[in-house]
């Protein structure tokens, strides 16, 4: 039985979506090493190139847990996805994983809400 290329791609897409996409644009940033070592309970967050800044109106706490708005949809952030070390950039950031099953959060770093 032959497996089509579309089936192989569909099966591999959850794996492919977590690989880093660092294209070098942040190579000279003084915070690059810090971003590269960021981890949540779900694993490494990768780098600033993989993260997305979140405006203050697009993240909140509800019932003691964080949520973020991505693609006009509120997504609950699991406790193990929260980065607990101090935020050196000030702004909230999220590292989403998008695949055929929807969007989840690999890492979330709350901002200072300034």
C-alpha atoms as a PDB file:
ATOM      1  CA  UNK A   1       0.000   0.000   0.000  1.00  0.00           C
ATOM      2  CA  UNK A   2       1.504   3.333  -1.035  1.00  0.00           C
ATOM      3  CA  UNK A   3       1.439   6.286   1.350  1.00  0.00           C
ATOM      4  CA  UNK A   4       0.792   9.594  -0.341  1.00  0.00           C
ATOM      5  CA  UNK A   5       3.028  12.617   0.176  1.00  0.00           C
ATOM      6  CA  UNK A   6       0.060  14.483   1.694  1.00  0.00           C
ATOM      7  CA  UNK A   7      -0.358  11.792   4.360  1.00  0.00           C
ATOM      8  CA  UNK A   8       3.335  11.876   5.206  1.00  0.00           C
ATOM      9  CA  UNK A   9       3.229  15.672   5.466  1.00  0.00           C
ATOM     10  CA  UNK A  10       0.112  15.543   7.669  1.00  0.00           C
ATOM     11  CA  UNK A  11       1.757  13.041   9.999  1.00  0.00           C
ATOM     12  CA  UNK A  12       5.013  15.014  10.166  1.00  0.00           C
ATOM     13  CA  UNK A  13       3.466  18.481  10.563  1.00  0.00           C
ATOM     14  CA  UNK A  14       3.154  18.373  14.382  1.00  0.00           C
ATOM     15  CA  UNK A  15       6.834  17.505  14.565  1.00  0.00           C
ATOM     16  CA  UNK A  16       7.898  20.127  12.026  1.00  0.00           C
ATOM     17  CA  UNK A  17       5.992  22.907  13.772  1.00  0.00           C
ATOM     18  CA  UNK A  18       8.200  22.846  16.874  1.00  0.00           C
ATOM     19  CA  UNK A  19      11.542  23.250  15.100  1.00  0.00           C
ATOM     20  CA  UNK A  20      13.295  26.577  15.447  1.00  0.00           C
ATOM     21  CA  UNK A  21      13.046  29.062  12.610  1.00  0.00           C
ATOM     22  CA  UNK A  22      15.899  31.353  13.628  1.00  0.00           C
ATOM     23  CA  UNK A  23      16.833  33.135  10.433  1.00  0.00           C
ATOM     24  CA  UNK A  24      19.710  35.111  11.951  1.00  0.00           C
ATOM     25  CA  UNK A  25      17.975  38.487  12.224  1.00  0.00           C
ATOM     26  CA  UNK A  26      18.602  38.569  16.007  1.00  0.00           C
ATOM     27  CA  UNK A  27      22.164  37.268  15.894  1.00  0.00           C
ATOM     28  CA  UNK A  28      23.640  40.522  17.263  1.00  0.00           C
ATOM     29  CA  UNK A  29      21.009  41.132  19.945  1.00  0.00           C
ATOM     30  CA  UNK A  30      22.465  41.414  23.462  1.00  0.00           C
ATOM     31  CA  UNK A  31      19.568  39.204  24.630  1.00  0.00           C
ATOM     32  CA  UNK A  32      20.084  36.418  22.074  1.00  0.00           C
ATOM     33  CA  UNK A  33      21.829  34.050  24.517  1.00  0.00           C
ATOM     34  CA  UNK A  34      19.100  34.657  27.091  1.00  0.00           C
ATOM     35  CA  UNK A  35      16.317  33.937  24.569  1.00  0.00           C
ATOM     36  CA  UNK A  36      18.135  30.820  23.376  1.00  0.00           C
ATOM     37  CA  UNK A  37      18.188  29.319  26.876  1.00  0.00           C
ATOM     38  CA  UNK A  38      14.532  30.073  27.762  1.00  0.00           C
ATOM     39  CA  UNK A  39      12.568  26.982  28.762  1.00  0.00           C
ATOM     40  CA  UNK A  40       9.142  26.184  30.043  1.00  0.00           C
ATOM     41  CA  UNK A  41       7.974  22.885  31.499  1.00  0.00           C
ATOM     42  CA  UNK A  42       7.232  21.887  27.905  1.00  0.00           C
ATOM     43  CA  UNK A  43      10.841  22.316  26.792  1.00  0.00           C
ATOM     44  CA  UNK A  44      13.012  24.953  25.113  1.00  0.00           C
ATOM     45  CA  UNK A  45      11.263  27.998  23.699  1.00  0.00           C
ATOM     46  CA  UNK A  46      13.937  28.444  21.003  1.00  0.00           C
ATOM     47  CA  UNK A  47      14.660  32.128  20.393  1.00  0.00           C
ATOM     48  CA  UNK A  48      13.178  35.587  19.908  1.00  0.00           C
ATOM     49  CA  UNK A  49      12.674  34.756  16.230  1.00  0.00           C
ATOM     50  CA  UNK A  50      10.225  32.028  17.218  1.00  0.00           C
ATOM     51  CA  UNK A  51       8.385  34.044  19.825  1.00  0.00           C
ATOM     52  CA  UNK A  52       5.674  36.578  19.186  1.00  0.00           C
ATOM     53  CA  UNK A  53       5.200  39.740  21.218  1.00  0.00           C
ATOM     54  CA  UNK A  54       1.704  40.003  22.665  1.00  0.00           C
ATOM     55  CA  UNK A  55      -0.001  43.353  23.301  1.00  0.00           C
ATOM     56  CA  UNK A  56      -1.308  43.931  26.812  1.00  0.00           C
ATOM     57  CA  UNK A  57      -4.911  43.669  25.565  1.00  0.00           C
ATOM     58  CA  UNK A  58      -4.153  40.215  24.116  1.00  0.00           C
ATOM     59  CA  UNK A  59      -3.204  38.422  27.320  1.00  0.00           C
ATOM     60  CA  UNK A  60      -4.814  38.149  30.729  1.00  0.00           C
ATOM     61  CA  UNK A  61      -5.296  35.991  33.777  1.00  0.00           C
ATOM     62  CA  UNK A  62      -8.552  34.223  34.419  1.00  0.00           C
ATOM     63  CA  UNK A  63      -9.216  31.898  37.345  1.00  0.00           C
ATOM     64  CA  UNK A  64      -5.509  31.972  38.266  1.00  0.00           C
ATOM     65  CA  UNK A  65      -4.258  30.979  34.791  1.00  0.00           C
ATOM     66  CA  UNK A  66      -2.988  32.907  31.785  1.00  0.00           C
ATOM     67  CA  UNK A  67      -4.705  33.147  28.404  1.00  0.00           C
ATOM     68  CA  UNK A  68      -3.545  34.733  25.174  1.00  0.00           C
ATOM     69  CA  UNK A  69      -5.420  35.892  22.098  1.00  0.00           C
ATOM     70  CA  UNK A  70      -3.912  34.508  18.899  1.00  0.00           C
ATOM     71  CA  UNK A  71      -5.629  34.672  15.526  1.00  0.00           C
ATOM     72  CA  UNK A  72      -8.679  36.283  17.210  1.00  0.00           C
ATOM     73  CA  UNK A  73      -9.132  33.308  19.527  1.00  0.00           C
ATOM     74  CA  UNK A  74      -8.449  33.089  23.275  1.00  0.00           C
ATOM     75  CA  UNK A  75      -6.156  30.176  24.107  1.00  0.00           C
ATOM     76  CA  UNK A  76      -5.577  28.913  27.645  1.00  0.00           C
ATOM     77  CA  UNK A  77      -1.922  28.691  28.638  1.00  0.00           C
ATOM     78  CA  UNK A  78      -1.131  25.562  30.630  1.00  0.00           C
ATOM     79  CA  UNK A  79       0.808  26.179  33.835  1.00  0.00           C
ATOM     80  CA  UNK A  80       3.783  24.179  32.545  1.00  0.00           C
ATOM     81  CA  UNK A  81       4.078  26.517  29.515  1.00  0.00           C
ATOM     82  CA  UNK A  82       4.693  29.601  31.694  1.00  0.00           C
ATOM     83  CA  UNK A  83       8.280  30.870  31.884  1.00  0.00           C
ATOM     84  CA  UNK A  84       8.927  31.638  35.540  1.00  0.00           C
ATOM     85  CA  UNK A  85      12.204  33.538  35.321  1.00  0.00           C
ATOM     86  CA  UNK A  86      12.200  37.368  35.200  1.00  0.00           C
ATOM     87  CA  UNK A  87      11.212  38.915  31.880  1.00  0.00           C
ATOM     88  CA  UNK A  88      14.189  40.902  30.534  1.00  0.00           C
ATOM     89  CA  UNK A  89      12.318  42.442  27.585  1.00  0.00           C
ATOM     90  CA  UNK A  90       9.264  43.681  29.488  1.00  0.00           C
ATOM     91  CA  UNK A  91       6.696  42.779  26.845  1.00  0.00           C
ATOM     92  CA  UNK A  92       4.644  39.601  27.001  1.00  0.00           C
ATOM     93  CA  UNK A  93       5.722  36.922  24.554  1.00  0.00           C
ATOM     94  CA  UNK A  94       4.233  33.672  23.382  1.00  0.00           C
ATOM     95  CA  UNK A  95       5.703  30.757  21.454  1.00  0.00           C
ATOM     96  CA  UNK A  96       2.712  29.139  19.737  1.00  0.00           C
ATOM     97  CA  UNK A  97       2.619  25.759  18.078  1.00  0.00           C
ATOM     98  CA  UNK A  98       0.211  25.664  15.152  1.00  0.00           C
ATOM     99  CA  UNK A  99      -0.715  22.399  13.499  1.00  0.00           C
ATOM    100  CA  UNK A 100      -3.716  20.609  12.018  1.00  0.00           C
ATOM    101  CA  UNK A 101      -5.235  20.186  15.499  1.00  0.00           C
ATOM    102  CA  UNK A 102      -5.180  23.913  16.249  1.00  0.00           C
ATOM    103  CA  UNK A 103      -2.935  26.204  18.257  1.00  0.00           C
ATOM    104  CA  UNK A 104      -1.308  25.440  21.591  1.00  0.00           C
ATOM    105  CA  UNK A 105       1.260  27.363  23.606  1.00  0.00           C
ATOM    106  CA  UNK A 106       4.744  25.933  24.102  1.00  0.00           C
ATOM    107  CA  UNK A 107       6.001  28.884  26.140  1.00  0.00           C
ATOM    108  CA  UNK A 108       4.456  32.050  27.566  1.00  0.00           C
ATOM    109  CA  UNK A 109       6.297  34.870  29.277  1.00  0.00           C
ATOM    110  CA  UNK A 110       4.034  37.427  31.000  1.00  0.00           C
ATOM    111  CA  UNK A 111       4.836  41.068  30.426  1.00  0.00           C
ATOM    112  CA  UNK A 112       4.998  44.053  32.744  1.00  0.00           C
ATOM    113  CA  UNK A 113       1.690  45.518  31.425  1.00  0.00           C
ATOM    114  CA  UNK A 114       3.056  49.028  31.047  1.00  0.00           C
END
